[in-house]
Amino acid sequence: MPRFIVHYGIHFIVPLLIGLLLVKEDKLKVTLILLAGILIDIDHIIAEPIFDADRCSIGFHPLHSVWAILLYCLLPFFKKTRIIGLALIIHIIADSADCLLM
């Protein structure tokens, strides 16, 4: 249960808190983009099985690979991709926490 709370808390509560409490302009837009970071889980559909509670996503799925994560870490350095990069990094942090708690 703690693993579930940490994992999904980071996926949903952290983006909500950042978007609603720390952002000054376009709160709703930024919050929705931060929440949309979960969309990189689309790469789960090519895995067999699609969902496995005991599988670490980091390094297993293409959008969770080391190369993808390095790209996500570059995105916040550019104004146009800053929020998207933050959203993807939050997602990777959530999945990494999940892996650590396995």
PDB file of N, CA and C in Angstrom:
ATOM      1  N   MET A   1       0.807  -1.205   0.000  1.00  0.00           N
ATOM      2  CA  MET A   1       0.000   0.000   0.000  1.00  0.00           C
ATOM      3  C   MET A   1       0.851   1.270   0.000  1.00  0.00           C
ATOM      4  N   PRO A   2       1.956   1.360   0.783  1.00  0.00           N
ATOM      5  CA  PRO A   2       2.777   2.566   0.728  1.00  0.00           C
ATOM      6  C   PRO A   2       3.356   2.793  -0.668  1.00  0.00           C
ATOM      7  N   ARG A   3       3.733   1.705  -1.347  1.00  0.00           N
ATOM      8  CA  ARG A   3       4.279   1.819  -2.696  1.00  0.00           C
ATOM      9  C   ARG A   3       3.241   2.443  -3.630  1.00  0.00           C
ATOM     10  N   PHE A   4       2.012   2.008  -3.545  1.00  0.00           N
ATOM     11  CA  PHE A   4       0.915   2.539  -4.364  1.00  0.00           C
ATOM     12  C   PHE A   4       0.715   4.028  -4.084  1.00  0.00           C
ATOM     13  N   ILE A   5       0.711   4.388  -2.811  1.00  0.00           N
ATOM     14  CA  ILE A   5       0.488   5.783  -2.416  1.00  0.00           C
ATOM     15  C   ILE A   5       1.626   6.677  -2.911  1.00  0.00           C
ATOM     16  N   VAL A   6       2.862   6.225  -2.738  1.00  0.00           N
ATOM     17  CA  VAL A   6       4.015   7.018  -3.192  1.00  0.00           C
ATOM     18  C   VAL A   6       3.987   7.158  -4.709  1.00  0.00           C
ATOM     19  N   HIS A   7       3.816   6.054  -5.402  1.00  0.00           N
ATOM     20  CA  HIS A   7       3.854   6.057  -6.864  1.00  0.00           C
ATOM     21  C   HIS A   7       2.777   6.967  -7.455  1.00  0.00           C
ATOM     22  N   TYR A   8       1.534   6.740  -7.080  1.00  0.00           N
ATOM     23  CA  TYR A   8       0.454   7.535  -7.662  1.00  0.00           C
ATOM     24  C   TYR A   8       0.351   8.922  -7.043  1.00  0.00           C
ATOM     25  N   GLY A   9       0.853   9.085  -5.830  1.00  0.00           N
ATOM     26  CA  GLY A   9       0.928  10.421  -5.241  1.00  0.00           C
ATOM     27  C   GLY A   9       1.858  11.316  -6.039  1.00  0.00           C
ATOM     28  N   ILE A  10       3.005  10.765  -6.430  1.00  0.00           N
ATOM     29  CA  ILE A  10       3.940  11.550  -7.249  1.00  0.00           C
ATOM     30  C   ILE A  10       3.343  11.798  -8.635  1.00  0.00           C
ATOM     31  N   HIS A  11       2.676  10.804  -9.191  1.00  0.00           N
ATOM     32  CA  HIS A  11       2.076  10.963 -10.521  1.00  0.00           C
ATOM     33  C   HIS A  11       0.990  12.039 -10.555  1.00  0.00           C
ATOM     34  N   PHE A  12       0.190  12.140  -9.505  1.00  0.00           N
ATOM     35  CA  PHE A  12      -0.974  13.028  -9.551  1.00  0.00           C
ATOM     36  C   PHE A  12      -0.931  14.189  -8.556  1.00  0.00           C
ATOM     37  N   ILE A  13      -0.540  13.933  -7.322  1.00  0.00           N
ATOM     38  CA  ILE A  13      -0.565  14.995  -6.308  1.00  0.00           C
ATOM     39  C   ILE A  13       0.556  16.008  -6.536  1.00  0.00           C
ATOM     40  N   VAL A  14       1.755  15.546  -6.847  1.00  0.00           N
ATOM     41  CA  VAL A  14       2.875  16.464  -7.071  1.00  0.00           C
ATOM     42  C   VAL A  14       2.593  17.425  -8.231  1.00  0.00           C
ATOM     43  N   PRO A  15       2.141  16.939  -9.400  1.00  0.00           N
ATOM     44  CA  PRO A  15       1.814  17.891 -10.477  1.00  0.00           C
ATOM     45  C   PRO A  15       0.712  18.882 -10.083  1.00  0.00           C
ATOM     46  N   LEU A  16      -0.287  18.412  -9.349  1.00  0.00           N
ATOM     47  CA  LEU A  16      -1.351  19.311  -8.899  1.00  0.00           C
ATOM     48  C   LEU A  16      -0.806  20.386  -7.970  1.00  0.00           C
ATOM     49  N   LEU A  17       0.024  19.981  -7.017  1.00  0.00           N
ATOM     50  CA  LEU A  17       0.591  20.948  -6.077  1.00  0.00           C
ATOM     51  C   LEU A  17       1.485  21.966  -6.782  1.00  0.00           C
ATOM     52  N   ILE A  18       2.332  21.483  -7.688  1.00  0.00           N
ATOM     53  CA  ILE A  18       3.215  22.397  -8.423  1.00  0.00           C
ATOM     54  C   ILE A  18       2.381  23.358  -9.266  1.00  0.00           C
ATOM     55  N   GLY A  19       1.449  22.823 -10.021  1.00  0.00           N
ATOM     56  CA  GLY A  19       0.647  23.654 -10.907  1.00  0.00           C
ATOM     57  C   GLY A  19      -0.242  24.648 -10.194  1.00  0.00           C
ATOM     58  N   LEU A  20      -0.830  24.231  -9.108  1.00  0.00           N
ATOM     59  CA  LEU A  20      -1.790  25.101  -8.427  1.00  0.00           C
ATOM     60  C   LEU A  20      -1.156  26.018  -7.379  1.00  0.00           C
ATOM     61  N   LEU A  21      -0.053  25.602  -6.791  1.00  0.00           N
ATOM     62  CA  LEU A  21       0.551  26.399  -5.722  1.00  0.00           C
ATOM     63  C   LEU A  21       1.786  27.192  -6.136  1.00  0.00           C
ATOM     64  N   LEU A  22       2.546  26.694  -7.085  1.00  0.00           N
ATOM     65  CA  LEU A  22       3.807  27.346  -7.425  1.00  0.00           C
ATOM     66  C   LEU A  22       3.770  28.169  -8.713  1.00  0.00           C
ATOM     67  N   VAL A  23       2.825  27.871  -9.564  1.00  0.00           N
ATOM     68  CA  VAL A  23       2.745  28.570 -10.851  1.00  0.00           C
ATOM     69  C   VAL A  23       1.892  29.824 -10.686  1.00  0.00           C
ATOM     70  N   LYS A  24       2.344  30.936 -11.264  1.00  0.00           N
ATOM     71  CA  LYS A  24       1.616  32.201 -11.109  1.00  0.00           C
ATOM     72  C   LYS A  24       0.653  32.467 -12.265  1.00  0.00           C
ATOM     73  N   GLU A  25       1.044  32.113 -13.479  1.00  0.00           N
ATOM     74  CA  GLU A  25       0.206  32.361 -14.649  1.00  0.00           C
ATOM     75  C   GLU A  25      -0.186  31.032 -15.301  1.00  0.00           C
ATOM     76  N   ASP A  26      -1.356  31.023 -15.910  1.00  0.00           N
ATOM     77  CA  ASP A  26      -1.840  29.837 -16.632  1.00  0.00           C
ATOM     78  C   ASP A  26      -1.840  28.579 -15.761  1.00  0.00           C
ATOM     79  N   LYS A  27      -2.311  28.705 -14.529  1.00  0.00           N
ATOM     80  CA  LYS A  27      -2.301  27.588 -13.574  1.00  0.00           C
ATOM     81  C   LYS A  27      -2.946  26.330 -14.141  1.00  0.00           C
ATOM     82  N   LEU A  28      -4.127  26.479 -14.733  1.00  0.00           N
ATOM     83  CA  LEU A  28      -4.846  25.313 -15.247  1.00  0.00           C
ATOM     84  C   LEU A  28      -4.068  24.659 -16.386  1.00  0.00           C
ATOM     85  N   LYS A  29      -3.595  25.461 -17.323  1.00  0.00           N
ATOM     86  CA  LYS A  29      -2.843  24.933 -18.466  1.00  0.00           C
ATOM     87  C   LYS A  29      -1.599  24.188 -17.998  1.00  0.00           C
ATOM     88  N   VAL A  30      -0.828  24.806 -17.116  1.00  0.00           N
ATOM     89  CA  VAL A  30       0.400  24.182 -16.622  1.00  0.00           C
ATOM     90  C   VAL A  30       0.081  22.910 -15.846  1.00  0.00           C
ATOM     91  N   THR A  31      -0.955  22.957 -15.014  1.00  0.00           N
ATOM     92  CA  THR A  31      -1.342  21.771 -14.234  1.00  0.00           C
ATOM     93  C   THR A  31      -1.732  20.626 -15.153  1.00  0.00           C
ATOM     94  N   LEU A  32      -2.492  20.915 -16.188  1.00  0.00           N
ATOM     95  CA  LEU A  32      -2.901  19.866 -17.129  1.00  0.00           C
ATOM     96  C   LEU A  32      -1.705  19.293 -17.887  1.00  0.00           C
ATOM     97  N   ILE A  33      -0.755  20.139 -18.256  1.00  0.00           N
ATOM     98  CA  ILE A  33       0.456  19.639 -18.919  1.00  0.00           C
ATOM     99  C   ILE A  33       1.254  18.757 -17.966  1.00  0.00           C
ATOM    100  N   LEU A  34       1.381  19.188 -16.718  1.00  0.00           N
ATOM    101  CA  LEU A  34       2.115  18.374 -15.735  1.00  0.00           C
ATOM    102  C   LEU A  34       1.435  17.027 -15.523  1.00  0.00           C
ATOM    103  N   LEU A  35       0.121  17.025 -15.456  1.00  0.00           N
ATOM    104  CA  LEU A  35      -0.609  15.765 -15.307  1.00  0.00           C
ATOM    105  C   LEU A  35      -0.486  14.892 -16.559  1.00  0.00           C
ATOM    106  N   ALA A  36      -0.350  15.523 -17.720  1.00  0.00           N
ATOM    107  CA  ALA A  36      -0.249  14.782 -18.976  1.00  0.00           C
ATOM    108  C   ALA A  36       1.070  14.017 -19.102  1.00  0.00           C
ATOM    109  N   GLY A  37       1.997  14.259 -18.200  1.00  0.00           N
ATOM    110  CA  GLY A  37       3.248  13.497 -18.209  1.00  0.00           C
ATOM    111  C   GLY A  37       3.007  12.004 -18.120  1.00  0.00           C
ATOM    112  N   ILE A  38       1.874  11.616 -17.604  1.00  0.00           N
ATOM    113  CA  ILE A  38       1.522  10.196 -17.485  1.00  0.00           C
ATOM    114  C   ILE A  38       1.370   9.533 -18.855  1.00  0.00           C
ATOM    115  N   LEU A  39       1.208  10.363 -19.886  1.00  0.00           N
ATOM    116  CA  LEU A  39       0.994   9.823 -21.232  1.00  0.00           C
ATOM    117  C   LEU A  39       2.188   9.047 -21.774  1.00  0.00           C
ATOM    118  N   ILE A  40       3.370   9.217 -21.196  1.00  0.00           N
ATOM    119  CA  ILE A  40       4.498   8.413 -21.699  1.00  0.00           C
ATOM    120  C   ILE A  40       4.323   6.937 -21.344  1.00  0.00           C
ATOM    121  N   ASP A  41       3.330   6.634 -20.530  1.00  0.00           N
ATOM    122  CA  ASP A  41       3.036   5.228 -20.253  1.00  0.00           C
ATOM    123  C   ASP A  41       2.390   4.527 -21.440  1.00  0.00           C
ATOM    124  N   ILE A  42       2.188   5.240 -22.537  1.00  0.00           N
ATOM    125  CA  ILE A  42       1.659   4.632 -23.755  1.00  0.00           C
ATOM    126  C   ILE A  42       2.574   3.501 -24.237  1.00  0.00           C
ATOM    127  N   ASP A  43       3.853   3.592 -23.880  1.00  0.00           N
ATOM    128  CA  ASP A  43       4.788   2.546 -24.303  1.00  0.00           C
ATOM    129  C   ASP A  43       4.528   1.205 -23.610  1.00  0.00           C
ATOM    130  N   HIS A  44       3.680   1.199 -22.613  1.00  0.00           N
ATOM    131  CA  HIS A  44       3.333  -0.056 -21.945  1.00  0.00           C
ATOM    132  C   HIS A  44       2.548  -0.986 -22.867  1.00  0.00           C
ATOM    133  N   ILE A  45       1.883  -0.427 -23.883  1.00  0.00           N
ATOM    134  CA  ILE A  45       1.041  -1.275 -24.738  1.00  0.00           C
ATOM    135  C   ILE A  45       1.855  -2.243 -25.591  1.00  0.00           C
ATOM    136  N   ILE A  46       3.151  -2.003 -25.742  1.00  0.00           N
ATOM    137  CA  ILE A  46       3.961  -2.939 -26.526  1.00  0.00           C
ATOM    138  C   ILE A  46       4.620  -4.002 -25.643  1.00  0.00           C
ATOM    139  N   ALA A  47       4.351  -3.950 -24.352  1.00  0.00           N
ATOM    140  CA  ALA A  47       4.927  -4.939 -23.428  1.00  0.00           C
ATOM    141  C   ALA A  47       3.960  -6.107 -23.254  1.00  0.00           C
ATOM    142  N   GLU A  48       4.505  -7.220 -22.869  1.00  0.00           N
ATOM    143  CA  GLU A  48       3.689  -8.410 -22.594  1.00  0.00           C
ATOM    144  C   GLU A  48       4.032  -8.911 -21.204  1.00  0.00           C
ATOM    145  N   PRO A  49       3.159  -8.870 -20.239  1.00  0.00           N
ATOM    146  CA  PRO A  49       1.820  -8.287 -20.284  1.00  0.00           C
ATOM    147  C   PRO A  49       1.900  -6.753 -20.272  1.00  0.00           C
ATOM    148  N   ILE A  50       0.805  -6.103 -20.642  1.00  0.00           N
ATOM    149  CA  ILE A  50       0.773  -4.646 -20.694  1.00  0.00           C
ATOM    150  C   ILE A  50       1.072  -4.066 -19.319  1.00  0.00           C
ATOM    151  N   PHE A  51       0.470  -4.625 -18.283  1.00  0.00           N
ATOM    152  CA  PHE A  51       0.717  -4.157 -16.913  1.00  0.00           C
ATOM    153  C   PHE A  51       1.234  -5.306 -16.068  1.00  0.00           C
ATOM    154  N   ASP A  52       2.309  -5.057 -15.377  1.00  0.00           N
ATOM    155  CA  ASP A  52       2.867  -6.025 -14.433  1.00  0.00           C
ATOM    156  C   ASP A  52       3.299  -5.234 -13.199  1.00  0.00           C
ATOM    157  N   ALA A  53       2.596  -5.433 -12.107  1.00  0.00           N
ATOM    158  CA  ALA A  53       2.858  -4.674 -10.878  1.00  0.00           C
ATOM    159  C   ALA A  53       4.266  -4.900 -10.346  1.00  0.00           C
ATOM    160  N   ASP A  54       4.889  -5.999 -10.726  1.00  0.00           N
ATOM    161  CA  ASP A  54       6.224  -6.315 -10.231  1.00  0.00           C
ATOM    162  C   ASP A  54       7.328  -6.029 -11.239  1.00  0.00           C
ATOM    163  N   ARG A  55       7.015  -5.220 -12.249  1.00  0.00           N
ATOM    164  CA  ARG A  55       8.012  -4.872 -13.262  1.00  0.00           C
ATOM    165  C   ARG A  55       8.421  -3.409 -13.084  1.00  0.00           C
ATOM    166  N   CYS A  56       9.710  -3.161 -13.113  1.00  0.00           N
ATOM    167  CA  CYS A  56      10.217  -1.790 -13.053  1.00  0.00           C
ATOM    168  C   CYS A  56      10.182  -1.213 -14.465  1.00  0.00           C
ATOM    169  N   SER A  57       9.488  -0.116 -14.628  1.00  0.00           N
ATOM    170  CA  SER A  57       9.358   0.518 -15.949  1.00  0.00           C
ATOM    171  C   SER A  57      10.670   1.128 -16.424  1.00  0.00           C
ATOM    172  N   ILE A  58      11.471   1.613 -15.491  1.00  0.00           N
ATOM    173  CA  ILE A  58      12.721   2.285 -15.839  1.00  0.00           C
ATOM    174  C   ILE A  58      13.665   1.278 -16.501  1.00  0.00           C
ATOM    175  N   GLY A  59      14.053   1.598 -17.717  1.00  0.00           N
ATOM    176  CA  GLY A  59      14.946   0.719 -18.457  1.00  0.00           C
ATOM    177  C   GLY A  59      14.251  -0.410 -19.184  1.00  0.00           C
ATOM    178  N   PHE A  60      12.954  -0.593 -18.951  1.00  0.00           N
ATOM    179  CA  PHE A  60      12.225  -1.672 -19.612  1.00  0.00           C
ATOM    180  C   PHE A  60      11.460  -1.167 -20.826  1.00  0.00           C
ATOM    181  N   HIS A  61      10.716  -0.085 -20.661  1.00  0.00           N
ATOM    182  CA  HIS A  61       9.918   0.473 -21.743  1.00  0.00           C
ATOM    183  C   HIS A  61      10.727   1.527 -22.497  1.00  0.00           C
ATOM    184  N   PRO A  62      10.497   1.673 -23.808  1.00  0.00           N
ATOM    185  CA  PRO A  62      11.292   2.628 -24.605  1.00  0.00           C
ATOM    186  C   PRO A  62      11.235   4.073 -24.099  1.00  0.00           C
ATOM    187  N   LEU A  63      10.075   4.557 -23.698  1.00  0.00           N
ATOM    188  CA  LEU A  63       9.971   5.939 -23.225  1.00  0.00           C
ATOM    189  C   LEU A  63      10.435   6.089 -21.780  1.00  0.00           C
ATOM    190  N   HIS A  64      10.901   4.990 -21.201  1.00  0.00           N
ATOM    191  CA  HIS A  64      11.459   4.980 -19.850  1.00  0.00           C
ATOM    192  C   HIS A  64      12.932   4.557 -19.879  1.00  0.00           C
ATOM    193  N   SER A  65      13.529   4.616 -21.061  1.00  0.00           N
ATOM    194  CA  SER A  65      14.933   4.208 -21.228  1.00  0.00           C
ATOM    195  C   SER A  65      15.872   5.316 -20.758  1.00  0.00           C
ATOM    196  N   VAL A  66      17.113   4.962 -20.578  1.00  0.00           N
ATOM    197  CA  VAL A  66      18.115   5.938 -20.142  1.00  0.00           C
ATOM    198  C   VAL A  66      18.213   7.077 -21.153  1.00  0.00           C
ATOM    199  N   TRP A  67      18.180   6.756 -22.443  1.00  0.00           N
ATOM    200  CA  TRP A  67      18.288   7.790 -23.489  1.00  0.00           C
ATOM    201  C   TRP A  67      17.101   8.739 -23.456  1.00  0.00           C
ATOM    202  N   ALA A  68      15.918   8.192 -23.268  1.00  0.00           N
ATOM    203  CA  ALA A  68      14.725   9.034 -23.183  1.00  0.00           C
ATOM    204  C   ALA A  68      14.803   9.930 -21.946  1.00  0.00           C
ATOM    205  N   ILE A  69      15.234   9.367 -20.836  1.00  0.00           N
ATOM    206  CA  ILE A  69      15.330  10.135 -19.592  1.00  0.00           C
ATOM    207  C   ILE A  69      16.351  11.271 -19.740  1.00  0.00           C
ATOM    208  N   LEU A  70      17.455  11.001 -20.405  1.00  0.00           N
ATOM    209  CA  LEU A  70      18.447  12.062 -20.650  1.00  0.00           C
ATOM    210  C   LEU A  70      17.836  13.192 -21.482  1.00  0.00           C
ATOM    211  N   LEU A  71      17.032  12.845 -22.468  1.00  0.00           N
ATOM    212  CA  LEU A  71      16.345  13.861 -23.271  1.00  0.00           C
ATOM    213  C   LEU A  71      15.378  14.667 -22.405  1.00  0.00           C
ATOM    214  N   TYR A  72      14.610  13.973 -21.548  1.00  0.00           N
ATOM    215  CA  TYR A  72      13.665  14.666 -20.663  1.00  0.00           C
ATOM    216  C   TYR A  72      14.397  15.673 -19.765  1.00  0.00           C
ATOM    217  N   CYS A  73      15.597  15.316 -19.343  1.00  0.00           N
ATOM    218  CA  CYS A  73      16.371  16.200 -18.460  1.00  0.00           C
ATOM    219  C   CYS A  73      16.899  17.435 -19.180  1.00  0.00           C
ATOM    220  N   LEU A  74      16.959  17.386 -20.508  1.00  0.00           N
ATOM    221  CA  LEU A  74      17.388  18.550 -21.283  1.00  0.00           C
ATOM    222  C   LEU A  74      16.236  19.527 -21.543  1.00  0.00           C
ATOM    223  N   LEU A  75      15.028  19.023 -21.606  1.00  0.00           N
ATOM    224  CA  LEU A  75      13.866  19.847 -21.968  1.00  0.00           C
ATOM    225  C   LEU A  75      13.643  21.063 -21.069  1.00  0.00           C
ATOM    226  N   PRO A  76      13.832  20.984 -19.759  1.00  0.00           N
ATOM    227  CA  PRO A  76      13.598  22.172 -18.919  1.00  0.00           C
ATOM    228  C   PRO A  76      14.547  23.345 -19.186  1.00  0.00           C
ATOM    229  N   PHE A  77      15.622  23.110 -19.893  1.00  0.00           N
ATOM    230  CA  PHE A  77      16.570  24.184 -20.178  1.00  0.00           C
ATOM    231  C   PHE A  77      16.109  25.112 -21.300  1.00  0.00           C
ATOM    232  N   PHE A  78      15.031  24.729 -21.976  1.00  0.00           N
ATOM    233  CA  PHE A  78      14.496  25.530 -23.075  1.00  0.00           C
ATOM    234  C   PHE A  78      13.090  26.000 -22.717  1.00  0.00           C
ATOM    235  N   LYS A  79      12.841  27.283 -22.875  1.00  0.00           N
ATOM    236  CA  LYS A  79      11.578  27.876 -22.434  1.00  0.00           C
ATOM    237  C   LYS A  79      10.352  27.165 -23.022  1.00  0.00           C
ATOM    238  N   LYS A  80      10.394  26.829 -24.305  1.00  0.00           N
ATOM    239  CA  LYS A  80       9.230  26.228 -24.965  1.00  0.00           C
ATOM    240  C   LYS A  80       8.930  24.814 -24.484  1.00  0.00           C
ATOM    241  N   THR A  81       9.915  24.125 -23.933  1.00  0.00           N
ATOM    242  CA  THR A  81       9.706  22.740 -23.507  1.00  0.00           C
ATOM    243  C   THR A  81       9.863  22.556 -21.999  1.00  0.00           C
ATOM    244  N   ARG A  82       9.981  23.658 -21.281  1.00  0.00           N
ATOM    245  CA  ARG A  82      10.256  23.604 -19.839  1.00  0.00           C
ATOM    246  C   ARG A  82       9.209  22.802 -19.063  1.00  0.00           C
ATOM    247  N   ILE A  83       7.950  23.115 -19.254  1.00  0.00           N
ATOM    248  CA  ILE A  83       6.881  22.457 -18.482  1.00  0.00           C
ATOM    249  C   ILE A  83       6.731  20.996 -18.900  1.00  0.00           C
ATOM    250  N   ILE A  84       6.846  20.726 -20.194  1.00  0.00           N
ATOM    251  CA  ILE A  84       6.771  19.337 -20.664  1.00  0.00           C
ATOM    252  C   ILE A  84       7.920  18.531 -20.064  1.00  0.00           C
ATOM    253  N   GLY A  85       9.105  19.103 -20.064  1.00  0.00           N
ATOM    254  CA  GLY A  85      10.255  18.421 -19.465  1.00  0.00           C
ATOM    255  C   GLY A  85      10.033  18.136 -17.991  1.00  0.00           C
ATOM    256  N   LEU A  86       9.497  19.108 -17.276  1.00  0.00           N
ATOM    257  CA  LEU A  86       9.201  18.914 -15.861  1.00  0.00           C
ATOM    258  C   LEU A  86       8.170  17.802 -15.670  1.00  0.00           C
ATOM    259  N   ALA A  87       7.154  17.782 -16.521  1.00  0.00           N
ATOM    260  CA  ALA A  87       6.127  16.741 -16.436  1.00  0.00           C
ATOM    261  C   ALA A  87       6.734  15.354 -16.619  1.00  0.00           C
ATOM    262  N   LEU A  88       7.614  15.226 -17.598  1.00  0.00           N
ATOM    263  CA  LEU A  88       8.235  13.927 -17.871  1.00  0.00           C
ATOM    264  C   LEU A  88       9.196  13.523 -16.762  1.00  0.00           C
ATOM    265  N   ILE A  89       9.911  14.483 -16.219  1.00  0.00           N
ATOM    266  CA  ILE A  89      10.817  14.184 -15.101  1.00  0.00           C
ATOM    267  C   ILE A  89      10.037  13.752 -13.866  1.00  0.00           C
ATOM    268  N   ILE A  90       8.921  14.406 -13.592  1.00  0.00           N
ATOM    269  CA  ILE A  90       8.071  13.991 -12.463  1.00  0.00           C
ATOM    270  C   ILE A  90       7.609  12.558 -12.669  1.00  0.00           C
ATOM    271  N   HIS A  91       7.233  12.235 -13.889  1.00  0.00           N
ATOM    272  CA  HIS A  91       6.791  10.869 -14.191  1.00  0.00           C
ATOM    273  C   HIS A  91       7.917   9.866 -13.921  1.00  0.00           C
ATOM    274  N   ILE A  92       9.106  10.188 -14.376  1.00  0.00           N
ATOM    275  CA  ILE A  92      10.246   9.288 -14.177  1.00  0.00           C
ATOM    276  C   ILE A  92      10.582   9.160 -12.693  1.00  0.00           C
ATOM    277  N   ILE A  93      10.463  10.246 -11.938  1.00  0.00           N
ATOM    278  CA  ILE A  93      10.684  10.183 -10.495  1.00  0.00           C
ATOM    279  C   ILE A  93       9.666   9.253  -9.841  1.00  0.00           C
ATOM    280  N   ALA A  94       8.408   9.353 -10.266  1.00  0.00           N
ATOM    281  CA  ALA A  94       7.372   8.462  -9.718  1.00  0.00           C
ATOM    282  C   ALA A  94       7.691   7.009 -10.014  1.00  0.00           C
ATOM    283  N   ASP A  95       8.075   6.729 -11.245  1.00  0.00           N
ATOM    284  CA  ASP A  95       8.389   5.340 -11.613  1.00  0.00           C
ATOM    285  C   ASP A  95       9.659   4.857 -10.937  1.00  0.00           C
ATOM    286  N   SER A  96      10.625   5.746 -10.760  1.00  0.00           N
ATOM    287  CA  SER A  96      11.855   5.361 -10.062  1.00  0.00           C
ATOM    288  C   SER A  96      11.569   5.051  -8.591  1.00  0.00           C
ATOM    289  N   ALA A  97      10.735   5.854  -7.965  1.00  0.00           N
ATOM    290  CA  ALA A  97      10.352   5.591  -6.572  1.00  0.00           C
ATOM    291  C   ALA A  97       9.657   4.243  -6.470  1.00  0.00           C
ATOM    292  N   ASP A  98       8.805   3.956  -7.443  1.00  0.00           N
ATOM    293  CA  ASP A  98       8.113   2.667  -7.470  1.00  0.00           C
ATOM    294  C   ASP A  98       9.125   1.520  -7.551  1.00  0.00           C
ATOM    295  N   CYS A  99      10.118   1.670  -8.414  1.00  0.00           N
ATOM    296  CA  CYS A  99      11.143   0.641  -8.555  1.00  0.00           C
ATOM    297  C   CYS A  99      11.933   0.450  -7.257  1.00  0.00           C
ATOM    298  N   LEU A 100      12.259   1.545  -6.609  1.00  0.00           N
ATOM    299  CA  LEU A 100      13.018   1.472  -5.356  1.00  0.00           C
ATOM    300  C   LEU A 100      12.224   0.796  -4.243  1.00  0.00           C
ATOM    301  N   LEU A 101      10.909   0.935  -4.288  1.00  0.00           N
ATOM    302  CA  LEU A 101      10.069   0.358  -3.240  1.00  0.00           C
ATOM    303  C   LEU A 101       9.655  -1.084  -3.522  1.00  0.00           C
ATOM    304  N   MET A 102      10.086  -1.622  -4.652  1.00  0.00           N
ATOM    305  CA  MET A 102       9.741  -3.018  -4.977  1.00  0.00           C
ATOM    306  C   MET A 102      10.455  -3.976  -4.055  1.00  0.00           C
TER     307      MET A 102
END
